[in-house]
Amino acid sequence: MPDEIKARIREYLDERMYINLGTVCADGTPLVHTVGFVTDGDAVCFVTDKRTRKAQNIVGNKAVAFTSDKDEPEIAKIQGVQMSGTALRVEDGA
């Protein structure tokens, strides 16, 4: 991805507080979770308890996706970001 596009995505995400995180349940059912997040370079980071459904889903399948958008009453003007990737667990103190 070109650096210019990465910069625009980072700027967009810096203005947001939440993303809609998609995970996959053990039975293959997709599930979406609203989470608060921060960015760290190209990484999107969030905190969750290891007992949550999203954490358990990620243990079973590290493939994730997310969307973030602005509330917009006119459908033709909706803007947002959608990305996919691999989730990595980071322990406290890392």
C-alpha atoms as a PDB file:
ATOM      1  CA  MET A   1       0.000   0.000   0.000  1.00  0.00           C
ATOM      2  CA  PRO A   2       1.425   3.429  -0.912  1.00  0.00           C
ATOM      3  CA  ASP A   3       2.638   5.598   1.987  1.00  0.00           C
ATOM      4  CA  GLU A   4       0.189   8.373   1.032  1.00  0.00           C
ATOM      5  CA  ILE A   5      -2.786   6.044   1.485  1.00  0.00           C
ATOM      6  CA  LYS A   6      -1.377   4.685   4.767  1.00  0.00           C
ATOM      7  CA  ALA A   7      -1.042   8.260   6.036  1.00  0.00           C
ATOM      8  CA  ARG A   8      -4.652   9.062   5.084  1.00  0.00           C
ATOM      9  CA  ILE A   9      -5.879   5.917   6.847  1.00  0.00           C
ATOM     10  CA  ARG A  10      -3.893   6.749  10.006  1.00  0.00           C
ATOM     11  CA  GLU A  11      -5.261  10.305   9.989  1.00  0.00           C
ATOM     12  CA  TYR A  12      -8.806   8.993   9.563  1.00  0.00           C
ATOM     13  CA  LEU A  13      -8.422   6.453  12.375  1.00  0.00           C
ATOM     14  CA  ASP A  14      -6.850   9.049  14.679  1.00  0.00           C
ATOM     15  CA  GLU A  15     -10.204  10.874  14.571  1.00  0.00           C
ATOM     16  CA  ARG A  16     -12.167   7.778  15.645  1.00  0.00           C
ATOM     17  CA  MET A  17     -12.684   6.192  19.056  1.00  0.00           C
ATOM     18  CA  TYR A  18     -14.165   2.825  18.038  1.00  0.00           C
ATOM     19  CA  ILE A  19     -13.879   0.180  15.365  1.00  0.00           C
ATOM     20  CA  ASN A  20     -16.176  -2.694  14.481  1.00  0.00           C
ATOM     21  CA  LEU A  21     -13.965  -5.769  14.805  1.00  0.00           C
ATOM     22  CA  GLY A  22     -14.933  -8.923  12.941  1.00  0.00           C
ATOM     23  CA  THR A  23     -13.906 -12.341  14.254  1.00  0.00           C
ATOM     24  CA  VAL A  24     -14.914 -15.909  13.427  1.00  0.00           C
ATOM     25  CA  CYS A  25     -16.496 -18.275  15.978  1.00  0.00           C
ATOM     26  CA  ALA A  26     -15.376 -21.907  16.277  1.00  0.00           C
ATOM     27  CA  ASP A  27     -18.403 -23.020  14.233  1.00  0.00           C
ATOM     28  CA  GLY A  28     -17.525 -20.577  11.428  1.00  0.00           C
ATOM     29  CA  THR A  29     -20.124 -17.959  12.346  1.00  0.00           C
ATOM     30  CA  PRO A  30     -18.838 -14.405  11.832  1.00  0.00           C
ATOM     31  CA  LEU A  31     -19.265 -12.015  14.745  1.00  0.00           C
ATOM     32  CA  VAL A  32     -18.716  -8.251  15.026  1.00  0.00           C
ATOM     33  CA  HIS A  33     -17.593  -6.492  18.208  1.00  0.00           C
ATOM     34  CA  THR A  34     -17.391  -2.750  18.854  1.00  0.00           C
ATOM     35  CA  VAL A  35     -14.079  -1.970  20.570  1.00  0.00           C
ATOM     36  CA  GLY A  36     -12.134   1.094  21.588  1.00  0.00           C
ATOM     37  CA  PHE A  37      -8.710   1.166  19.970  1.00  0.00           C
ATOM     38  CA  VAL A  38      -5.447   3.005  19.430  1.00  0.00           C
ATOM     39  CA  THR A  39      -3.006   2.867  16.552  1.00  0.00           C
ATOM     40  CA  ASP A  40       0.699   2.137  16.878  1.00  0.00           C
ATOM     41  CA  GLY A  41       2.341   2.627  13.506  1.00  0.00           C
ATOM     42  CA  ASP A  42       0.540   0.252  11.152  1.00  0.00           C
ATOM     43  CA  ALA A  43      -0.963  -1.736  14.052  1.00  0.00           C
ATOM     44  CA  VAL A  44      -4.467  -1.292  15.423  1.00  0.00           C
ATOM     45  CA  CYS A  45      -4.493  -2.212  19.125  1.00  0.00           C
ATOM     46  CA  PHE A  46      -7.302  -2.926  21.578  1.00  0.00           C
ATOM     47  CA  VAL A  47      -7.597  -4.390  25.060  1.00  0.00           C
ATOM     48  CA  THR A  48      -9.921  -7.206  26.025  1.00  0.00           C
ATOM     49  CA  ASP A  49     -10.179  -9.834  28.717  1.00  0.00           C
ATOM     50  CA  LYS A  50      -9.020 -13.277  27.599  1.00  0.00           C
ATOM     51  CA  ARG A  51     -12.439 -14.674  28.609  1.00  0.00           C
ATOM     52  CA  THR A  52     -14.395 -12.547  26.110  1.00  0.00           C
ATOM     53  CA  ARG A  53     -15.899 -14.083  23.027  1.00  0.00           C
ATOM     54  CA  LYS A  54     -13.705 -11.975  20.754  1.00  0.00           C
ATOM     55  CA  ALA A  55     -10.555 -13.157  22.550  1.00  0.00           C
ATOM     56  CA  GLN A  56     -11.658 -16.787  22.366  1.00  0.00           C
ATOM     57  CA  ASN A  57     -12.513 -16.399  18.679  1.00  0.00           C
ATOM     58  CA  ILE A  58      -9.066 -14.945  17.977  1.00  0.00           C
ATOM     59  CA  VAL A  59      -7.369 -17.833  19.817  1.00  0.00           C
ATOM     60  CA  GLY A  60      -9.161 -20.194  17.423  1.00  0.00           C
ATOM     61  CA  ASN A  61      -8.735 -18.095  14.274  1.00  0.00           C
ATOM     62  CA  LYS A  62      -6.357 -15.143  14.150  1.00  0.00           C
ATOM     63  CA  ALA A  63      -7.917 -13.743  10.956  1.00  0.00           C
ATOM     64  CA  VAL A  64      -9.755 -10.510  11.762  1.00  0.00           C
ATOM     65  CA  ALA A  65     -11.231  -7.551   9.932  1.00  0.00           C
ATOM     66  CA  PHE A  66     -12.519  -4.168  11.007  1.00  0.00           C
ATOM     67  CA  THR A  67     -14.468  -1.204   9.764  1.00  0.00           C
ATOM     68  CA  SER A  68     -14.672   2.350  10.975  1.00  0.00           C
ATOM     69  CA  ASP A  69     -16.952   5.027   9.605  1.00  0.00           C
ATOM     70  CA  LYS A  70     -18.407   8.443  10.283  1.00  0.00           C
ATOM     71  CA  ASP A  71     -22.101   8.839  11.024  1.00  0.00           C
ATOM     72  CA  GLU A  72     -23.562  10.272   7.842  1.00  0.00           C
ATOM     73  CA  PRO A  73     -27.286  10.680   7.125  1.00  0.00           C
ATOM     74  CA  GLU A  74     -26.773  10.704   3.337  1.00  0.00           C
ATOM     75  CA  ILE A  75     -25.878   7.229   2.085  1.00  0.00           C
ATOM     76  CA  ALA A  76     -24.005   8.585  -0.936  1.00  0.00           C
ATOM     77  CA  LYS A  77     -21.632  10.493   1.377  1.00  0.00           C
ATOM     78  CA  ILE A  78     -20.677   7.644   3.729  1.00  0.00           C
ATOM     79  CA  GLN A  79     -16.921   7.320   4.148  1.00  0.00           C
ATOM     80  CA  GLY A  80     -15.004   4.730   6.079  1.00  0.00           C
ATOM     81  CA  VAL A  81     -12.087   2.359   6.327  1.00  0.00           C
ATOM     82  CA  GLN A  82     -12.141  -1.399   6.132  1.00  0.00           C
ATOM     83  CA  MET A  83      -9.089  -3.552   6.726  1.00  0.00           C
ATOM     84  CA  SER A  84      -8.248  -7.182   7.363  1.00  0.00           C
ATOM     85  CA  GLY A  85      -5.260  -8.850   8.947  1.00  0.00           C
ATOM     86  CA  THR A  86      -3.951 -11.197  11.594  1.00  0.00           C
ATOM     87  CA  ALA A  87      -4.438 -10.608  15.312  1.00  0.00           C
ATOM     88  CA  LEU A  88      -1.465 -10.969  17.627  1.00  0.00           C
ATOM     89  CA  ARG A  89      -1.684 -11.247  21.406  1.00  0.00           C
ATOM     90  CA  VAL A  90       0.470  -8.820  23.371  1.00  0.00           C
ATOM     91  CA  GLU A  91       0.913  -9.494  27.088  1.00  0.00           C
ATOM     92  CA  ASP A  92       1.003  -6.820  29.802  1.00  0.00           C
ATOM     93  CA  GLY A  93       4.437  -5.287  30.101  1.00  0.00           C
ATOM     94  CA  ALA A  94       5.385  -6.082  26.504  1.00  0.00           C
END
